[in-house]
Amino acid sequence: MPVDLTFGAAIIVGLLGSSHCLGMCGGIVAALNMGV
């Protein structure tokens, strides 16, 4: 695997992972704050 392709894939996976975590955790935190 070329280094560029591996590096690009790592960045994409990192962005998808962080956005997914923010969406899930952010939604849970917002629901808890509204519930309280």
Protein backbone atom coordinates (compact mmCIF):
# COMPACT_ATOMS: atom_id res chain seq x y z
CA MET A 1 0.00 0.00 0.00
CA PRO A 2 1.37 3.45 -0.89
CA VAL A 3 2.05 5.65 2.11
CA ASP A 4 -0.16 8.43 0.70
CA LEU A 5 -3.16 6.10 0.40
CA THR A 6 -2.66 4.76 3.92
CA PHE A 7 -2.30 8.28 5.33
CA GLY A 8 -5.43 9.47 3.51
CA ALA A 9 -7.41 6.46 4.72
CA ALA A 10 -6.28 7.12 8.30
CA ILE A 11 -7.46 10.74 8.07
CA ILE A 12 -10.83 9.71 6.61
CA VAL A 13 -11.36 7.05 9.28
CA GLY A 14 -10.38 9.57 11.97
CA LEU A 15 -12.82 12.19 10.67
CA LEU A 16 -15.67 9.68 10.37
CA GLY A 17 -14.94 8.31 13.84
CA SER A 18 -14.80 11.74 15.48
CA SER A 19 -17.97 12.99 13.77
CA HIS A 20 -19.80 9.77 14.70
CA CYS A 21 -18.70 10.11 18.34
CA LEU A 22 -19.71 13.80 18.44
CA GLY A 23 -23.11 12.95 16.96
CA MET A 24 -23.78 10.11 19.38
CA CYS A 25 -22.26 11.64 22.53
CA GLY A 26 -23.59 15.12 21.69
CA GLY A 27 -27.12 13.78 21.23
CA ILE A 28 -26.98 11.86 24.51
CA VAL A 29 -25.63 14.89 26.41
CA ALA A 30 -28.28 17.17 24.86
CA ALA A 31 -31.04 14.70 25.79
CA LEU A 32 -29.74 14.48 29.37
CA ASN A 33 -29.52 18.29 29.66
CA MET A 34 -33.08 18.71 28.34
CA GLY A 35 -34.33 15.94 30.66
CA VAL A 36 -32.78 17.70 33.65
